[in-house]
Amino acid sequence: TTLYSGAKDISQCTDTVCGGNLTSMTGVITSP
């Protein structure tokens, strides 16, 4: 999706995929 209205290019489309099952000893979680 885009962060704002009025996007001019496909490069402005950002990924919204997030979440999952984490089982490693260490890791990082971030907002999309």
All heavy atoms as atom14 arrays in JSON, in Angstrom:
{
  "sequence": "TTLYSGAKDISQCTDTVCGGNLTSMTGVITSP",
  "atom14_mask": [
    [1, 1, 1, 1, 1, 1, 1, 0, 0, 0, 0, 0, 0, 0],
    [1, 1, 1, 1, 1, 1, 1, 0, 0, 0, 0, 0, 0, 0],
    [1, 1, 1, 1, 1, 1, 1, 1, 0, 0, 0, 0, 0, 0],
    [1, 1, 1, 1, 1, 1, 1, 1, 1, 1, 1, 1, 0, 0],
    [1, 1, 1, 1, 1, 1, 0, 0, 0, 0, 0, 0, 0, 0],
    [1, 1, 1, 1, 0, 0, 0, 0, 0, 0, 0, 0, 0, 0],
    [1, 1, 1, 1, 1, 0, 0, 0, 0, 0, 0, 0, 0, 0],
    [1, 1, 1, 1, 1, 1, 1, 1, 1, 0, 0, 0, 0, 0],
    [1, 1, 1, 1, 1, 1, 1, 1, 0, 0, 0, 0, 0, 0],
    [1, 1, 1, 1, 1, 1, 1, 1, 0, 0, 0, 0, 0, 0],
    [1, 1, 1, 1, 1, 1, 0, 0, 0, 0, 0, 0, 0, 0],
    [1, 1, 1, 1, 1, 1, 1, 1, 1, 0, 0, 0, 0, 0],
    [1, 1, 1, 1, 1, 1, 0, 0, 0, 0, 0, 0, 0, 0],
    [1, 1, 1, 1, 1, 1, 1, 0, 0, 0, 0, 0, 0, 0],
    [1, 1, 1, 1, 1, 1, 1, 1, 0, 0, 0, 0, 0, 0],
    [1, 1, 1, 1, 1, 1, 1, 0, 0, 0, 0, 0, 0, 0],
    [1, 1, 1, 1, 1, 1, 1, 0, 0, 0, 0, 0, 0, 0],
    [1, 1, 1, 1, 1, 1, 0, 0, 0, 0, 0, 0, 0, 0],
    [1, 1, 1, 1, 0, 0, 0, 0, 0, 0, 0, 0, 0, 0],
    [1, 1, 1, 1, 0, 0, 0, 0, 0, 0, 0, 0, 0, 0],
    [1, 1, 1, 1, 1, 1, 1, 1, 0, 0, 0, 0, 0, 0],
    [1, 1, 1, 1, 1, 1, 1, 1, 0, 0, 0, 0, 0, 0],
    [1, 1, 1, 1, 1, 1, 1, 0, 0, 0, 0, 0, 0, 0],
    [1, 1, 1, 1, 1, 1, 0, 0, 0, 0, 0, 0, 0, 0],
    [1, 1, 1, 1, 1, 1, 1, 1, 0, 0, 0, 0, 0, 0],
    [1, 1, 1, 1, 1, 1, 1, 0, 0, 0, 0, 0, 0, 0],
    [1, 1, 1, 1, 0, 0, 0, 0, 0, 0, 0, 0, 0, 0],
    [1, 1, 1, 1, 1, 1, 1, 0, 0, 0, 0, 0, 0, 0],
    [1, 1, 1, 1, 1, 1, 1, 1, 0, 0, 0, 0, 0, 0],
    [1, 1, 1, 1, 1, 1, 1, 0, 0, 0, 0, 0, 0, 0],
    [1, 1, 1, 1, 1, 1, 0, 0, 0, 0, 0, 0, 0, 0],
    [1, 1, 1, 1, 1, 1, 1, 0, 0, 0, 0, 0, 0, 0]
  ],
  "atom14_positions": [
    [[0.85, -1.18, 0.0], [0.0, 0.0, 0.0], [0.89, 1.23, 0.0], [2.12, 1.13, 0.04], [-0.93, 0.01, 1.23], [-1.86, 1.09, 1.1], [-0.15, 0.19, 2.52], [0.0, 0.0, 0.0], [0.0, 0.0, 0.0], [0.0, 0.0, 0.0], [0.0, 0.0, 0.0], [0.0, 0.0, 0.0], [0.0, 0.0, 0.0], [0.0, 0.0, 0.0]],
    [[0.29, 2.42, -0.05], [1.05, 3.66, 0.0], [0.81, 4.34, 1.34], [-0.23, 4.14, 1.96], [0.64, 4.61, -1.14], [-0.76, 4.88, -1.06], [0.95, 3.99, -2.49], [0.0, 0.0, 0.0], [0.0, 0.0, 0.0], [0.0, 0.0, 0.0], [0.0, 0.0, 0.0], [0.0, 0.0, 0.0], [0.0, 0.0, 0.0], [0.0, 0.0, 0.0]],
    [[1.75, 5.15, 1.76], [1.61, 5.85, 3.03], [0.62, 7.0, 2.92], [-0.08, 7.33, 3.88], [2.97, 6.38, 3.5], [4.05, 5.33, 3.75], [5.35, 6.01, 4.15], [3.61, 4.37, 4.84], [0.0, 0.0, 0.0], [0.0, 0.0, 0.0], [0.0, 0.0, 0.0], [0.0, 0.0, 0.0], [0.0, 0.0, 0.0], [0.0, 0.0, 0.0]],
    [[0.57, 7.61, 1.75], [-0.29, 8.77, 1.56], [-1.09, 8.6, 0.27], [-0.8, 7.73, -0.55], [0.54, 10.06, 1.45], [1.53, 10.26, 2.57], [2.86, 9.86, 2.44], [1.13, 10.86, 3.76], [3.77, 10.06, 3.47], [2.03, 11.05, 4.8], [3.34, 10.66, 4.64], [4.24, 10.85, 5.67], [0.0, 0.0, 0.0], [0.0, 0.0, 0.0]],
    [[-2.07, 9.46, 0.07], [-2.77, 9.51, -1.21], [-1.9, 10.31, -2.18], [-0.98, 11.03, -1.79], [-4.14, 10.18, -1.04], [-3.98, 11.53, -0.6], [0.0, 0.0, 0.0], [0.0, 0.0, 0.0], [0.0, 0.0, 0.0], [0.0, 0.0, 0.0], [0.0, 0.0, 0.0], [0.0, 0.0, 0.0], [0.0, 0.0, 0.0], [0.0, 0.0, 0.0]],
    [[-2.2, 10.18, -3.47], [-1.46, 10.94, -4.46], [-0.13, 10.35, -4.87], [0.76, 11.08, -5.31], [0.0, 0.0, 0.0], [0.0, 0.0, 0.0], [0.0, 0.0, 0.0], [0.0, 0.0, 0.0], [0.0, 0.0, 0.0], [0.0, 0.0, 0.0], [0.0, 0.0, 0.0], [0.0, 0.0, 0.0], [0.0, 0.0, 0.0], [0.0, 0.0, 0.0]],
    [[0.04, 9.04, -4.74], [1.31, 8.39, -5.12], [1.5, 8.45, -6.63], [0.56, 8.25, -7.4], [1.34, 6.95, -4.64], [0.0, 0.0, 0.0], [0.0, 0.0, 0.0], [0.0, 0.0, 0.0], [0.0, 0.0, 0.0], [0.0, 0.0, 0.0], [0.0, 0.0, 0.0], [0.0, 0.0, 0.0], [0.0, 0.0, 0.0], [0.0, 0.0, 0.0]],
    [[2.74, 8.7, -7.06], [3.04, 8.87, -8.48], [3.74, 7.66, -9.1], [3.84, 7.58, -10.33], [3.93, 10.1, -8.67], [3.31, 11.39, -8.17], [4.29, 12.55, -8.31], [3.7, 13.83, -7.75], [4.66, 14.97, -7.84], [0.0, 0.0, 0.0], [0.0, 0.0, 0.0], [0.0, 0.0, 0.0], [0.0, 0.0, 0.0], [0.0, 0.0, 0.0]],
    [[4.25, 6.76, -8.27], [5.05, 5.67, -8.83], [4.9, 4.42, -7.99], [4.63, 4.5, -6.78], [6.53, 6.08, -8.89], [7.36, 5.1, -9.69], [7.33, 5.15, -10.93], [8.02, 4.24, -9.07], [0.0, 0.0, 0.0], [0.0, 0.0, 0.0], [0.0, 0.0, 0.0], [0.0, 0.0, 0.0], [0.0, 0.0, 0.0], [0.0, 0.0, 0.0]],
    [[5.08, 3.26, -8.61], [4.95, 1.99, -7.9], [5.98, 1.85, -6.79], [5.76, 1.12, -5.81], [5.07, 0.81, -8.9], [4.67, -0.51, -8.23], [6.49, 0.74, -9.48], [4.6, -1.67, -9.19], [0.0, 0.0, 0.0], [0.0, 0.0, 0.0], [0.0, 0.0, 0.0], [0.0, 0.0, 0.0], [0.0, 0.0, 0.0], [0.0, 0.0, 0.0]],
    [[7.09, 2.58, -6.89], [8.12, 2.53, -5.85], [7.61, 3.08, -4.52], [8.21, 2.84, -3.48], [9.35, 3.31, -6.3], [9.05, 4.69, -6.47], [0.0, 0.0, 0.0], [0.0, 0.0, 0.0], [0.0, 0.0, 0.0], [0.0, 0.0, 0.0], [0.0, 0.0, 0.0], [0.0, 0.0, 0.0], [0.0, 0.0, 0.0], [0.0, 0.0, 0.0]],
    [[6.51, 3.84, -4.54], [5.93, 4.38, -3.32], [5.03, 3.38, -2.61], [4.53, 3.66, -1.52], [5.14, 5.66, -3.64], [6.01, 6.82, -4.09], [5.2, 8.04, -4.46], [4.89, 8.28, -5.61], [4.83, 8.84, -3.45], [0.0, 0.0, 0.0], [0.0, 0.0, 0.0], [0.0, 0.0, 0.0], [0.0, 0.0, 0.0], [0.0, 0.0, 0.0]],
    [[4.84, 2.21, -3.21], [4.05, 1.15, -2.56], [4.95, 0.43, -1.56], [6.03, -0.05, -1.92], [3.54, 0.16, -3.6], [2.36, 0.86, -4.79], [0.0, 0.0, 0.0], [0.0, 0.0, 0.0], [0.0, 0.0, 0.0], [0.0, 0.0, 0.0], [0.0, 0.0, 0.0], [0.0, 0.0, 0.0], [0.0, 0.0, 0.0], [0.0, 0.0, 0.0]],
    [[4.54, 0.37, -0.31], [5.33, -0.26, 0.74], [4.71, -1.58, 1.19], [3.49, -1.76, 1.12], [5.46, 0.66, 1.96], [4.15, 0.93, 2.49], [6.1, 1.98, 1.58], [0.0, 0.0, 0.0], [0.0, 0.0, 0.0], [0.0, 0.0, 0.0], [0.0, 0.0, 0.0], [0.0, 0.0, 0.0], [0.0, 0.0, 0.0], [0.0, 0.0, 0.0]],
    [[5.56, -2.47, 1.66], [5.11, -3.8, 2.07], [4.39, -3.74, 3.41], [4.8, -3.04, 4.32], [6.32, -4.73, 2.19], [5.95, -6.18, 1.96], [4.77, -6.52, 2.16], [6.82, -6.97, 1.58], [0.0, 0.0, 0.0], [0.0, 0.0, 0.0], [0.0, 0.0, 0.0], [0.0, 0.0, 0.0], [0.0, 0.0, 0.0], [0.0, 0.0, 0.0]],
    [[3.3, -4.47, 3.53], [2.55, -4.53, 4.78], [2.63, -5.9, 5.44], [2.01, -6.14, 6.46], [1.07, -4.2, 4.55], [0.5, -5.15, 3.63], [0.91, -2.81, 3.97], [0.0, 0.0, 0.0], [0.0, 0.0, 0.0], [0.0, 0.0, 0.0], [0.0, 0.0, 0.0], [0.0, 0.0, 0.0], [0.0, 0.0, 0.0], [0.0, 0.0, 0.0]],
    [[3.42, -6.8, 4.84], [3.55, -8.14, 5.42], [4.31, -8.06, 6.74], [5.36, -7.42, 6.83], [4.29, -9.08, 4.44], [4.54, -10.43, 5.09], [3.49, -9.25, 3.17], [0.0, 0.0, 0.0], [0.0, 0.0, 0.0], [0.0, 0.0, 0.0], [0.0, 0.0, 0.0], [0.0, 0.0, 0.0], [0.0, 0.0, 0.0], [0.0, 0.0, 0.0]],
    [[3.79, -8.68, 7.78], [4.44, -8.64, 9.09], [3.92, -9.8, 9.93], [2.97, -10.47, 9.55], [4.17, -7.3, 9.79], [2.41, -6.92, 9.98], [0.0, 0.0, 0.0], [0.0, 0.0, 0.0], [0.0, 0.0, 0.0], [0.0, 0.0, 0.0], [0.0, 0.0, 0.0], [0.0, 0.0, 0.0], [0.0, 0.0, 0.0], [0.0, 0.0, 0.0]],
    [[4.56, -10.01, 11.07], [4.12, -11.07, 11.97], [4.78, -12.4, 11.67], [5.6, -12.54, 10.76], [0.0, 0.0, 0.0], [0.0, 0.0, 0.0], [0.0, 0.0, 0.0], [0.0, 0.0, 0.0], [0.0, 0.0, 0.0], [0.0, 0.0, 0.0], [0.0, 0.0, 0.0], [0.0, 0.0, 0.0], [0.0, 0.0, 0.0], [0.0, 0.0, 0.0]],
    [[4.46, -13.42, 12.49], [4.99, -14.76, 12.3], [5.36, -15.42, 13.62], [5.25, -14.82, 14.69], [0.0, 0.0, 0.0], [0.0, 0.0, 0.0], [0.0, 0.0, 0.0], [0.0, 0.0, 0.0], [0.0, 0.0, 0.0], [0.0, 0.0, 0.0], [0.0, 0.0, 0.0], [0.0, 0.0, 0.0], [0.0, 0.0, 0.0], [0.0, 0.0, 0.0]],
    [[5.78, -16.65, 13.54], [6.23, -17.41, 14.71], [7.75, -17.37, 14.79], [8.45, -17.72, 13.83], [5.75, -18.86, 14.62], [4.24, -18.97, 14.67], [3.58, -18.26, 15.42], [3.67, -19.85, 13.85], [0.0, 0.0, 0.0], [0.0, 0.0, 0.0], [0.0, 0.0, 0.0], [0.0, 0.0, 0.0], [0.0, 0.0, 0.0], [0.0, 0.0, 0.0]],
    [[8.28, -16.94, 15.93], [9.72, -16.77, 16.12], [10.23, -17.74, 17.17], [9.73, -17.75, 18.3], [10.02, -15.33, 16.54], [9.43, -14.24, 15.63], [9.69, -12.85, 16.22], [9.98, -14.33, 14.22], [0.0, 0.0, 0.0], [0.0, 0.0, 0.0], [0.0, 0.0, 0.0], [0.0, 0.0, 0.0], [0.0, 0.0, 0.0], [0.0, 0.0, 0.0]],
    [[11.2, -18.55, 16.8], [11.73, -19.56, 17.72], [13.24, -19.48, 17.9], [13.82, -20.3, 18.59], [11.36, -20.97, 17.22], [11.88, -21.15, 15.89], [9.86, -21.17, 17.17], [0.0, 0.0, 0.0], [0.0, 0.0, 0.0], [0.0, 0.0, 0.0], [0.0, 0.0, 0.0], [0.0, 0.0, 0.0], [0.0, 0.0, 0.0], [0.0, 0.0, 0.0]],
    [[13.88, -18.5, 17.29], [15.34, -18.39, 17.38], [15.76, -17.85, 18.75], [14.95, -17.28, 19.48], [15.88, -17.47, 16.28], [15.31, -16.19, 16.37], [0.0, 0.0, 0.0], [0.0, 0.0, 0.0], [0.0, 0.0, 0.0], [0.0, 0.0, 0.0], [0.0, 0.0, 0.0], [0.0, 0.0, 0.0], [0.0, 0.0, 0.0], [0.0, 0.0, 0.0]],
    [[17.03, -18.0, 19.09], [17.55, -17.56, 20.39], [17.54, -16.04, 20.53], [17.4, -15.5, 21.62], [18.97, -18.09, 20.58], [19.07, -19.6, 20.53], [18.56, -20.39, 22.07], [20.04, -20.19, 23.04], [0.0, 0.0, 0.0], [0.0, 0.0, 0.0], [0.0, 0.0, 0.0], [0.0, 0.0, 0.0], [0.0, 0.0, 0.0], [0.0, 0.0, 0.0]],
    [[17.72, -15.35, 19.41], [17.68, -13.89, 19.4], [16.91, -13.45, 18.15], [16.78, -14.21, 17.19], [19.08, -13.27, 19.37], [19.74, -13.66, 18.16], [19.9, -13.71, 20.56], [0.0, 0.0, 0.0], [0.0, 0.0, 0.0], [0.0, 0.0, 0.0], [0.0, 0.0, 0.0], [0.0, 0.0, 0.0], [0.0, 0.0, 0.0], [0.0, 0.0, 0.0]],
    [[16.42, -12.22, 18.15], [15.7, -11.74, 16.98], [15.32, -10.29, 17.1], [15.57, -9.63, 18.1], [0.0, 0.0, 0.0], [0.0, 0.0, 0.0], [0.0, 0.0, 0.0], [0.0, 0.0, 0.0], [0.0, 0.0, 0.0], [0.0, 0.0, 0.0], [0.0, 0.0, 0.0], [0.0, 0.0, 0.0], [0.0, 0.0, 0.0], [0.0, 0.0, 0.0]],
    [[14.68, -9.79, 16.04], [14.26, -8.39, 15.97], [12.85, -8.34, 15.39], [12.53, -9.08, 14.45], [15.21, -7.56, 15.09], [14.7, -6.13, 14.95], [16.62, -7.56, 15.65], [0.0, 0.0, 0.0], [0.0, 0.0, 0.0], [0.0, 0.0, 0.0], [0.0, 0.0, 0.0], [0.0, 0.0, 0.0], [0.0, 0.0, 0.0], [0.0, 0.0, 0.0]],
    [[12.02, -7.48, 15.96], [10.67, -7.23, 15.46], [10.57, -5.75, 15.11], [10.96, -4.9, 15.9], [9.61, -7.57, 16.53], [9.62, -9.07, 16.85], [8.22, -7.14, 16.09], [8.72, -9.43, 18.02], [0.0, 0.0, 0.0], [0.0, 0.0, 0.0], [0.0, 0.0, 0.0], [0.0, 0.0, 0.0], [0.0, 0.0, 0.0], [0.0, 0.0, 0.0]],
    [[10.03, -5.45, 13.94], [9.86, -4.05, 13.56], [8.46, -3.81, 12.99], [7.84, -4.73, 12.46], [10.89, -3.61, 12.49], [10.64, -4.33, 11.28], [12.3, -3.86, 12.96], [0.0, 0.0, 0.0], [0.0, 0.0, 0.0], [0.0, 0.0, 0.0], [0.0, 0.0, 0.0], [0.0, 0.0, 0.0], [0.0, 0.0, 0.0], [0.0, 0.0, 0.0]],
    [[8.01, -2.58, 13.1], [6.78, -2.19, 12.42], [7.05, -2.18, 10.92], [8.19, -1.93, 10.5], [6.3, -0.82, 12.91], [7.35, 0.13, 12.82], [0.0, 0.0, 0.0], [0.0, 0.0, 0.0], [0.0, 0.0, 0.0], [0.0, 0.0, 0.0], [0.0, 0.0, 0.0], [0.0, 0.0, 0.0], [0.0, 0.0, 0.0], [0.0, 0.0, 0.0]],
    [[6.06, -2.46, 10.09], [6.28, -2.46, 8.64], [6.86, -1.14, 8.14], [6.48, -0.07, 8.58], [4.87, -2.69, 8.07], [4.14, -3.41, 9.16], [4.67, -2.83, 10.44], [0.0, 0.0, 0.0], [0.0, 0.0, 0.0], [0.0, 0.0, 0.0], [0.0, 0.0, 0.0], [0.0, 0.0, 0.0], [0.0, 0.0, 0.0], [0.0, 0.0, 0.0]]
  ]
}
